């Protein structure tokens, strides 16, 4: 009898511990936008993109129904349609440059064009920009084949469609900060469109705080291993910064911040916010700038000092990317729509949307965040200055052990300083601003102060 009572008590204790979860707080406006993301809408975009036959960057720009020129004109027309619901805040252009032959993947001069839709922020004092990207171009087995059919449904019709769906829904809402929706060309030719955009942003001192690059995100099954999974999405982020590492390397090593660069902080943010708003989706952080020995359109941004990550499906199928459409040995090759999972792509699109919305609705990051090192103690004192823009309810102080991939504690304060009973030796810290509706800024890791 006693044994039974003890067993029940242990069971109850285990049960209560297991389900003692923190209540998830969702911004109602963002929650509604997430519900509006439509698998049917996304599928219709990809169907139209595939119908252009090929979107190779070297393909024709004169045919109204086929090639990269027709595709980018159609994307522009869709952005302009969305703009009608924006009260004049959404504007779209094709941003072009002449790209000369480079002896690599471009053998003739081309008019390189990105389709850029800008949703202007409502706060004139808020200069922040958040950017979501996909590449409209695609390729067959040979990247130089500009005439043969190449569906490009997933690579990167999926990322392009996600950007368009985000623009469709978000254009009907207002945000203090500016959001840019961009579909670039030239990715398969060597990240040409993204490089043009990132270099322009750097030269003109754009205040880009985050770039979400979406590339191959709409299929749920892998080749060779035959793994099927539509509940996980990968986010890749660089560790050591590609920008000015020579200047910052000593401090990074001294403070042990190899895992706390801007891109890695953005990846943590994407995971937390994405899982907050999108059910049945696990955002998996991968500690690499990109897949093994491969590259993507976020790279030119990180090379220019911006926080940028790559979002990609969990299990890539190499039979369906960079392949001529054909059947060999019973295997269907080619990037065809039939291999897409549009419910999976809906969730991945919603994950982008909620992150963009939460960032653009939130206040700007706290300024001059410092950790006091005047005395060596087992307490940690942090102080900072208030955000430059946005309505701030207060601040979250984030705490995690040095070996933890994600933040473990989130402590709210309305002050601009805090004293914590956690040793600087054993924990990492960061501070983020938070609005009345719970929209957080990106975290800021403290610098050394006295």
Protein backbone atom coordinates (compact mmCIF):
# COMPACT_ATOMS: atom_id res chain seq x y z
CA UNK A 1 0.00 0.00 0.00
CA UNK A 2 2.78 2.39 0.91
CA UNK A 3 4.66 1.47 -2.21
CA UNK A 4 1.58 2.28 -4.28
CA UNK A 5 1.20 5.69 -2.65
CA UNK A 6 4.83 6.51 -3.26
CA UNK A 7 4.53 5.46 -6.90
CA UNK A 8 1.48 7.66 -7.42
CA UNK A 9 3.20 10.60 -5.74
CA UNK A 10 6.24 10.22 -7.99
CA UNK A 11 3.99 9.92 -11.03
CA UNK A 12 2.08 13.08 -10.10
CA UNK A 13 5.32 14.93 -9.48
CA UNK A 14 6.70 13.76 -12.85
CA UNK A 15 3.45 14.68 -14.58
CA UNK A 16 3.32 18.16 -13.08
CA UNK A 17 6.97 18.79 -13.93
CA UNK A 18 6.54 17.55 -17.48
CA UNK A 19 3.62 19.85 -18.19
CA UNK A 20 4.76 22.90 -16.23
CA UNK A 21 5.18 24.98 -19.36
CA UNK A 22 5.36 28.73 -19.81
CA UNK A 23 2.27 30.15 -21.50
CA UNK A 24 2.99 31.15 -25.10
CA UNK A 25 2.11 34.80 -25.68
CA UNK A 26 1.25 35.67 -29.27
CA UNK A 27 0.62 39.10 -30.75
CA UNK A 28 -2.98 38.82 -32.09
CA UNK A 29 -2.16 40.78 -35.27
CA UNK A 30 0.78 38.52 -36.12
CA UNK A 31 -1.24 35.44 -35.23
CA UNK A 32 -3.94 36.52 -37.70
CA UNK A 33 -1.39 37.17 -40.45
CA UNK A 34 0.06 33.69 -39.93
CA UNK A 35 -3.44 32.22 -40.39
CA UNK A 36 -3.77 34.04 -43.71
CA UNK A 37 -0.77 32.29 -45.27
CA UNK A 38 -2.32 30.05 -47.91
CA UNK A 39 -0.92 26.84 -49.37
CA UNK A 40 -3.19 27.35 -52.39
CA UNK A 41 -1.90 30.88 -52.94
CA UNK A 42 1.72 29.68 -52.75
CA UNK A 43 0.99 26.83 -55.14
CA UNK A 44 -0.52 29.24 -57.66
CA UNK A 45 2.63 31.37 -57.65
CA UNK A 46 4.84 28.36 -58.29
CA UNK A 47 2.56 27.13 -61.05
CA UNK A 48 2.97 30.48 -62.80
CA UNK A 49 6.75 30.48 -62.30
CA UNK A 50 7.09 26.97 -63.73
CA UNK A 51 5.01 28.01 -66.77
CA UNK A 52 7.77 30.37 -67.92
CA UNK A 53 9.65 27.27 -69.14
CA UNK A 54 13.05 28.40 -67.94
CA UNK A 55 14.19 31.15 -65.60
CA UNK A 56 17.90 30.74 -66.27
CA UNK A 57 19.59 34.13 -65.78
CA UNK A 58 21.07 33.87 -69.29
CA UNK A 59 17.69 33.13 -70.89
CA UNK A 60 15.68 35.51 -73.06
CA UNK A 61 14.41 38.82 -71.72
CA UNK A 62 12.43 39.67 -74.85
CA UNK A 63 9.85 36.87 -74.94
CA UNK A 64 6.67 37.94 -73.04
CA UNK A 65 5.87 34.36 -72.00
CA UNK A 66 9.18 32.57 -71.55
CA UNK A 67 12.46 33.18 -69.76
CA UNK A 68 13.84 35.29 -66.93
CA UNK A 69 12.53 38.53 -68.39
CA UNK A 70 8.92 37.36 -68.47
CA UNK A 71 9.24 35.87 -64.99
CA UNK A 72 10.52 39.03 -63.36
CA UNK A 73 7.88 41.17 -65.12
CA UNK A 74 5.19 38.86 -63.77
CA UNK A 75 6.59 39.03 -60.23
CA UNK A 76 6.63 42.82 -60.49
CA UNK A 77 2.98 42.79 -61.62
CA UNK A 78 2.02 40.72 -58.58
CA UNK A 79 3.85 43.06 -56.22
CA UNK A 80 2.06 46.02 -57.84
CA UNK A 81 -1.25 44.23 -57.35
CA UNK A 82 -0.48 43.76 -53.65
CA UNK A 83 0.47 47.45 -53.42
CA UNK A 84 -3.13 48.46 -54.07
CA UNK A 85 -4.00 47.31 -50.54
CA UNK A 86 -1.09 49.08 -48.86
CA UNK A 87 -2.29 52.69 -48.77
CA UNK A 88 0.67 53.72 -50.88
CA UNK A 89 3.27 52.20 -48.56
CA UNK A 90 4.31 49.31 -50.85
CA UNK A 91 6.23 50.20 -54.00
CA UNK A 92 7.97 47.83 -56.40
CA UNK A 93 10.67 48.13 -59.06
CA UNK A 94 13.00 45.97 -61.11
CA UNK A 95 16.44 47.09 -59.97
CA UNK A 96 18.84 46.43 -62.83
CA UNK A 97 22.52 46.59 -63.64
CA UNK A 98 24.56 45.56 -66.67
CA UNK A 99 26.72 42.54 -65.91
CA UNK A 100 29.64 41.88 -68.25
CA UNK A 101 30.90 38.41 -69.23
CA UNK A 102 33.03 37.05 -66.39
CA UNK A 103 34.62 33.96 -67.95
CA UNK A 104 32.82 31.81 -65.37
CA UNK A 105 29.07 31.37 -65.55
CA UNK A 106 28.22 34.43 -67.66
CA UNK A 107 29.40 34.33 -71.29
CA UNK A 108 27.63 37.42 -72.60
CA UNK A 109 26.63 40.82 -71.27
CA UNK A 110 23.28 40.61 -69.48
CA UNK A 111 20.74 42.92 -67.92
CA UNK A 112 20.75 41.60 -64.35
CA UNK A 113 17.52 42.48 -62.55
CA UNK A 114 16.15 41.97 -59.04
CA UNK A 115 12.47 42.54 -58.31
CA UNK A 116 12.32 44.67 -55.16
CA UNK A 117 9.15 45.56 -53.23
CA UNK A 118 9.56 47.98 -50.33
CA UNK A 119 6.96 48.29 -47.56
CA UNK A 120 7.84 51.66 -46.08
CA UNK A 121 7.84 51.93 -42.29
CA UNK A 122 5.39 54.33 -40.66
CA UNK A 123 7.85 55.80 -38.13
CA UNK A 124 10.05 58.45 -39.81
CA UNK A 125 12.55 58.11 -36.97
CA UNK A 126 12.89 54.35 -37.47
CA UNK A 127 15.57 53.70 -40.06
CA UNK A 128 15.66 49.91 -39.63
CA UNK A 129 15.23 47.60 -42.62
CA UNK A 130 14.34 43.90 -42.54
CA UNK A 131 14.79 41.95 -45.76
CA UNK A 132 13.34 38.64 -46.97
CA UNK A 133 14.79 37.07 -50.10
CA UNK A 134 14.41 34.22 -52.58
CA UNK A 135 15.98 33.75 -56.02
CA UNK A 136 13.76 33.66 -59.09
CA UNK A 137 16.36 32.11 -61.41
CA UNK A 138 16.98 28.38 -61.83
CA UNK A 139 19.09 25.93 -63.82
CA UNK A 140 19.18 22.60 -65.61
CA UNK A 141 22.04 20.12 -65.25
CA UNK A 142 24.25 22.67 -67.02
CA UNK A 143 24.14 26.17 -65.55
CA UNK A 144 24.91 27.55 -69.03
CA UNK A 145 21.85 25.92 -70.63
CA UNK A 146 19.59 28.91 -71.25
CA UNK A 147 17.09 27.38 -73.67
CA UNK A 148 15.93 24.01 -72.31
CA UNK A 149 12.97 23.67 -69.97
CA UNK A 150 13.78 23.98 -66.26
CA UNK A 151 10.74 23.96 -63.93
CA UNK A 152 12.57 25.25 -60.83
CA UNK A 153 9.53 24.54 -58.64
CA UNK A 154 11.48 24.13 -55.41
CA UNK A 155 14.85 25.70 -56.32
CA UNK A 156 13.93 28.39 -55.91
CA UNK A 157 10.28 28.71 -56.80
CA UNK A 158 9.61 27.89 -53.15
CA UNK A 159 11.66 30.82 -51.80
CA UNK A 160 10.26 33.21 -54.42
CA UNK A 161 6.69 32.16 -53.61
CA UNK A 162 7.33 32.58 -49.88
CA UNK A 163 8.57 36.14 -50.44
CA UNK A 164 5.52 36.93 -52.57
CA UNK A 165 3.07 35.49 -50.06
CA UNK A 166 4.68 37.48 -47.24
CA UNK A 167 4.33 40.63 -49.35
CA UNK A 168 0.69 39.85 -50.16
CA UNK A 169 -0.32 39.58 -46.52
CA UNK A 170 1.99 42.10 -44.89
CA UNK A 171 1.22 44.88 -47.41
CA UNK A 172 -2.19 45.20 -45.75
CA UNK A 173 -0.58 46.04 -42.40
CA UNK A 174 1.63 48.85 -41.15
CA UNK A 175 4.93 48.52 -39.32
CA UNK A 176 7.20 51.16 -37.77
CA UNK A 177 10.24 49.74 -39.60
CA UNK A 178 10.69 49.08 -43.33
CA UNK A 179 10.43 45.60 -44.86
CA UNK A 180 11.95 44.74 -48.24
CA UNK A 181 10.69 41.76 -50.24
CA UNK A 182 13.18 40.79 -52.93
CA UNK A 183 13.43 38.10 -55.58
CA UNK A 184 16.91 38.10 -57.05
CA UNK A 185 18.42 36.82 -60.27
CA UNK A 186 21.82 35.28 -60.88
CA UNK A 187 22.01 33.01 -57.83
CA UNK A 188 22.94 29.98 -59.90
CA UNK A 189 25.44 32.10 -61.85
CA UNK A 190 27.33 32.96 -58.65
CA UNK A 191 25.07 34.93 -56.25
CA UNK A 192 25.12 37.86 -58.69
CA UNK A 193 21.81 39.53 -57.81
CA UNK A 194 22.32 39.24 -54.07
CA UNK A 195 25.87 40.57 -54.36
CA UNK A 196 24.60 43.57 -56.33
CA UNK A 197 21.96 44.25 -53.66
CA UNK A 198 24.23 43.72 -50.65
CA UNK A 199 27.00 45.91 -52.09
CA UNK A 200 24.47 48.63 -52.84
CA UNK A 201 23.08 48.47 -49.29
CA UNK A 202 26.59 48.73 -47.84
CA UNK A 203 27.57 51.63 -50.09
CA UNK A 204 24.39 53.57 -49.29
CA UNK A 205 24.57 52.79 -45.54
CA UNK A 206 21.22 51.01 -45.31
CA UNK A 207 20.40 50.02 -41.76
CA UNK A 208 19.62 46.38 -42.52
CA UNK A 209 19.22 44.55 -39.21
CA UNK A 210 18.23 41.13 -40.54
CA UNK A 211 18.14 39.20 -43.82
CA UNK A 212 16.10 36.00 -44.16
CA UNK A 213 17.21 34.16 -47.29
CA UNK A 214 14.94 31.34 -48.43
CA UNK A 215 16.31 28.76 -50.84
CA UNK A 216 14.92 25.22 -51.42
CA UNK A 217 12.27 25.10 -48.70
CA UNK A 218 9.23 23.35 -50.12
CA UNK A 219 9.91 19.60 -50.30
CA UNK A 220 9.74 17.16 -47.38
CA UNK A 221 11.77 14.14 -48.54
CA UNK A 222 15.42 13.36 -49.18
CA UNK A 223 17.08 11.41 -51.96
CA UNK A 224 19.16 8.29 -51.11
CA UNK A 225 18.01 8.08 -47.47
CA UNK A 226 14.27 8.45 -48.24
CA UNK A 227 13.63 10.41 -45.03
CA UNK A 228 10.24 12.15 -45.03
CA UNK A 229 9.71 15.00 -42.56
CA UNK A 230 7.57 18.12 -42.90
CA UNK A 231 7.94 19.23 -39.27
CA UNK A 232 11.48 20.61 -39.36
CA UNK A 233 13.19 23.45 -41.22
CA UNK A 234 16.89 24.34 -41.10
CA UNK A 235 18.32 27.80 -40.45
CA UNK A 236 22.02 28.19 -41.27
CA UNK A 237 24.11 30.91 -39.63
CA UNK A 238 27.79 31.82 -39.64
CA UNK A 239 29.81 31.52 -36.44
CA UNK A 240 32.83 33.80 -36.73
CA UNK A 241 31.89 36.91 -38.71
CA UNK A 242 33.01 37.14 -42.31
CA UNK A 243 33.16 40.94 -41.93
CA UNK A 244 36.19 42.55 -40.24
CA UNK A 245 37.16 39.41 -38.33
CA UNK A 246 40.73 40.66 -38.21
CA UNK A 247 39.61 43.67 -36.15
CA UNK A 248 37.27 41.77 -33.84
CA UNK A 249 38.96 38.37 -33.55
CA UNK A 250 40.96 39.12 -30.40
CA UNK A 251 37.91 40.29 -28.44
CA UNK A 252 35.81 37.37 -29.69
CA UNK A 253 38.45 34.91 -28.45
CA UNK A 254 38.96 36.71 -25.15
CA UNK A 255 35.25 36.77 -24.28
CA UNK A 256 34.45 33.38 -25.79
CA UNK A 257 31.90 34.81 -28.23
CA UNK A 258 32.59 32.46 -31.14
CA UNK A 259 28.94 31.41 -31.01
CA UNK A 260 27.40 34.86 -30.53
CA UNK A 261 27.83 36.76 -33.77
CA UNK A 262 24.96 38.71 -35.33
CA UNK A 263 23.92 35.89 -37.66
CA UNK A 264 23.87 33.33 -34.85
CA UNK A 265 21.75 35.68 -32.69
CA UNK A 266 19.36 36.08 -35.61
CA UNK A 267 19.14 32.29 -35.99
CA UNK A 268 18.19 31.93 -32.30
CA UNK A 269 15.56 34.63 -32.75
CA UNK A 270 14.15 32.93 -35.87
CA UNK A 271 13.86 29.66 -33.95
CA UNK A 272 12.12 31.12 -30.91
CA UNK A 273 9.65 33.32 -32.78
CA UNK A 274 9.01 30.78 -35.54
CA UNK A 275 8.12 28.05 -33.06
CA UNK A 276 5.99 30.51 -31.06
CA UNK A 277 3.65 31.23 -33.96
CA UNK A 278 3.79 28.18 -36.24
CA UNK A 279 2.42 24.91 -34.89
CA UNK A 280 4.08 21.57 -35.69
CA UNK A 281 7.30 23.17 -36.84
CA UNK A 282 10.74 22.74 -35.30
CA UNK A 283 13.32 25.29 -36.46
CA UNK A 284 16.67 23.48 -36.45
CA UNK A 285 19.75 25.68 -36.11
CA UNK A 286 22.75 24.50 -38.12
CA UNK A 287 26.10 25.94 -37.06
CA UNK A 288 27.35 26.65 -40.58
CA UNK A 289 26.94 29.64 -42.82
CA UNK A 290 25.53 27.29 -45.45
CA UNK A 291 25.38 23.64 -46.41
CA UNK A 292 28.70 21.82 -46.63
CA UNK A 293 30.91 23.43 -49.33
CA UNK A 294 27.90 25.25 -50.82
CA UNK A 295 26.69 28.84 -50.91
CA UNK A 296 23.59 31.01 -50.97
CA UNK A 297 22.31 34.55 -51.36
CA UNK A 298 22.71 35.46 -47.67
CA UNK A 299 26.50 35.21 -47.99
CA UNK A 300 27.06 38.59 -49.73
CA UNK A 301 25.15 40.22 -46.86
CA UNK A 302 27.23 38.62 -44.10
CA UNK A 303 30.36 39.54 -46.06
CA UNK A 304 29.19 43.17 -45.88
CA UNK A 305 28.57 43.01 -42.14
CA UNK A 306 24.80 42.41 -42.08
CA UNK A 307 23.07 39.74 -40.01
CA UNK A 308 21.83 37.16 -42.51
CA UNK A 309 20.75 33.51 -42.39
CA UNK A 310 19.74 30.85 -44.88
CA UNK A 311 16.44 28.95 -44.50
CA UNK A 312 16.31 25.55 -46.21
CA UNK A 313 14.22 22.38 -45.99
CA UNK A 314 15.40 19.66 -43.63
CA UNK A 315 16.03 16.92 -46.20
CA UNK A 316 17.14 17.96 -49.67
CA UNK A 317 16.40 15.76 -52.66
CA UNK A 318 19.21 16.00 -55.17
CA UNK A 319 17.20 14.17 -57.83
CA UNK A 320 15.02 17.29 -58.00
CA UNK A 321 17.55 20.14 -58.13
CA UNK A 322 20.00 21.10 -60.88
CA UNK A 323 18.71 18.25 -63.03
CA UNK A 324 17.27 17.98 -66.53
CA UNK A 325 13.77 16.53 -66.42
CA UNK A 326 14.11 12.85 -67.31
CA UNK A 327 13.57 9.33 -66.05
CA UNK A 328 16.54 6.99 -65.53
CA UNK A 329 16.60 3.56 -63.88
CA UNK A 330 13.10 4.10 -62.58
CA UNK A 331 14.01 7.45 -60.92
CA UNK A 332 12.24 10.66 -61.94
CA UNK A 333 14.69 13.57 -62.11
CA UNK A 334 13.85 17.26 -62.33
CA UNK A 335 12.54 20.06 -60.11
CA UNK A 336 8.86 19.35 -60.73
CA UNK A 337 5.82 20.61 -58.80
CA UNK A 338 4.69 17.05 -58.08
CA UNK A 339 7.48 16.70 -55.55
CA UNK A 340 6.43 19.74 -53.52
CA UNK A 341 4.67 19.68 -50.14
CA UNK A 342 2.62 22.88 -50.09
CA UNK A 343 1.46 22.47 -46.50
CA UNK A 344 5.12 22.26 -45.46
CA UNK A 345 5.90 25.33 -47.57
CA UNK A 346 2.96 27.14 -45.97
CA UNK A 347 4.44 26.58 -42.52
CA UNK A 348 7.90 27.67 -43.65
CA UNK A 349 6.45 30.82 -45.23
CA UNK A 350 4.52 31.57 -42.04
CA UNK A 351 7.75 31.17 -40.09
CA UNK A 352 9.31 33.91 -42.23
CA UNK A 353 6.28 36.15 -41.90
CA UNK A 354 6.00 36.03 -38.11
CA UNK A 355 9.70 36.81 -37.73
CA UNK A 356 9.55 39.77 -40.11
CA UNK A 357 6.42 41.09 -38.41
CA UNK A 358 7.76 40.66 -34.89
CA UNK A 359 11.00 42.41 -35.79
CA UNK A 360 9.35 45.28 -37.67
CA UNK A 361 6.72 45.85 -34.95
CA UNK A 362 9.25 45.71 -32.12
CA UNK A 363 11.37 48.59 -30.84
CA UNK A 364 14.93 49.03 -32.01
CA UNK A 365 17.69 47.29 -30.11
CA UNK A 366 18.87 48.70 -26.77
CA UNK A 367 21.95 50.89 -27.10
CA UNK A 368 25.38 50.70 -25.50
CA UNK A 369 24.79 47.44 -23.63
CA UNK A 370 27.64 46.90 -21.18
CA UNK A 371 28.66 44.38 -18.55
CA UNK A 372 30.29 45.96 -15.51
CA UNK A 373 33.73 44.50 -14.83
CA UNK A 374 34.85 47.00 -12.19
CA UNK A 375 34.88 44.23 -9.58
CA UNK A 376 35.24 40.48 -9.92
CA UNK A 377 32.19 38.97 -8.19
CA UNK A 378 29.75 36.10 -8.69
CA UNK A 379 27.09 38.64 -9.63
CA UNK A 380 26.72 40.20 -13.06
CA UNK A 381 25.71 43.83 -13.51
CA UNK A 382 24.39 44.91 -16.90
CA UNK A 383 23.42 48.40 -18.01
CA UNK A 384 22.29 49.94 -21.27
CA UNK A 385 20.59 52.92 -22.88
CA UNK A 386 17.05 52.93 -24.15
CA UNK A 387 16.10 52.11 -27.72
CA UNK A 388 16.45 54.87 -30.30
CA UNK A 389 13.03 54.21 -31.83
CA UNK A 390 9.79 52.45 -31.03
CA UNK A 391 7.58 52.28 -27.97
CA UNK A 392 9.35 50.22 -25.34
CA UNK A 393 7.56 48.56 -22.44
CA UNK A 394 10.87 47.33 -21.08
CA UNK A 395 13.66 44.91 -21.75
CA UNK A 396 14.35 41.19 -21.64
CA UNK A 397 17.65 40.13 -20.17
CA UNK A 398 18.61 36.79 -21.72
CA UNK A 399 20.74 34.21 -19.93
CA UNK A 400 22.20 30.90 -21.05
CA UNK A 401 24.98 28.54 -20.06
CA UNK A 402 28.03 28.67 -22.30
CA UNK A 403 27.20 25.26 -23.81
CA UNK A 404 23.51 25.98 -24.47
CA UNK A 405 22.53 26.62 -28.11
CA UNK A 406 19.54 28.76 -27.13
CA UNK A 407 18.68 31.28 -24.43
CA UNK A 408 17.47 29.53 -21.26
CA UNK A 409 16.10 32.39 -19.16
CA UNK A 410 14.26 35.54 -20.12
CA UNK A 411 14.05 38.11 -17.32
CA UNK A 412 11.89 41.22 -17.78
CA UNK A 413 12.82 44.62 -16.38
CA UNK A 414 11.50 48.11 -16.99
CA UNK A 415 14.87 49.57 -15.91
CA UNK A 416 18.00 50.06 -17.98
CA UNK A 417 20.20 48.09 -15.59
CA UNK A 418 20.04 44.83 -13.69
CA UNK A 419 22.06 42.85 -11.14
CA UNK A 420 21.94 39.09 -11.63
CA UNK A 421 23.14 36.25 -9.35
CA UNK A 422 24.86 34.57 -12.29
CA UNK A 423 28.62 34.49 -12.79
CA UNK A 424 30.14 36.01 -15.92
CA UNK A 425 32.41 32.95 -16.00
CA UNK A 426 29.58 30.48 -16.48
CA UNK A 427 26.89 32.29 -18.48
CA UNK A 428 26.35 34.40 -21.55
CA UNK A 429 24.00 37.38 -21.48
CA UNK A 430 22.15 39.61 -23.92
CA UNK A 431 19.50 42.33 -23.77
CA UNK A 432 16.57 42.93 -26.12
CA UNK A 433 13.90 45.64 -26.17
CA UNK A 434 10.25 44.64 -25.95
CA UNK A 435 7.06 46.49 -26.93
CA UNK A 436 3.70 46.61 -25.16
CA UNK A 437 2.49 43.78 -27.42
CA UNK A 438 5.53 41.62 -26.65
CA UNK A 439 7.41 42.23 -29.92
CA UNK A 440 11.13 41.87 -29.25
CA UNK A 441 14.13 43.41 -30.92
CA UNK A 442 17.16 41.33 -31.79
CA UNK A 443 19.38 40.64 -28.75
CA UNK A 444 22.52 42.65 -28.04
CA UNK A 445 25.48 40.94 -26.38
CA UNK A 446 27.10 43.28 -23.84
CA UNK A 447 30.49 44.84 -24.39
CA UNK A 448 32.92 45.33 -21.51
CA UNK A 449 32.26 48.45 -19.44
CA UNK A 450 33.23 49.99 -16.12
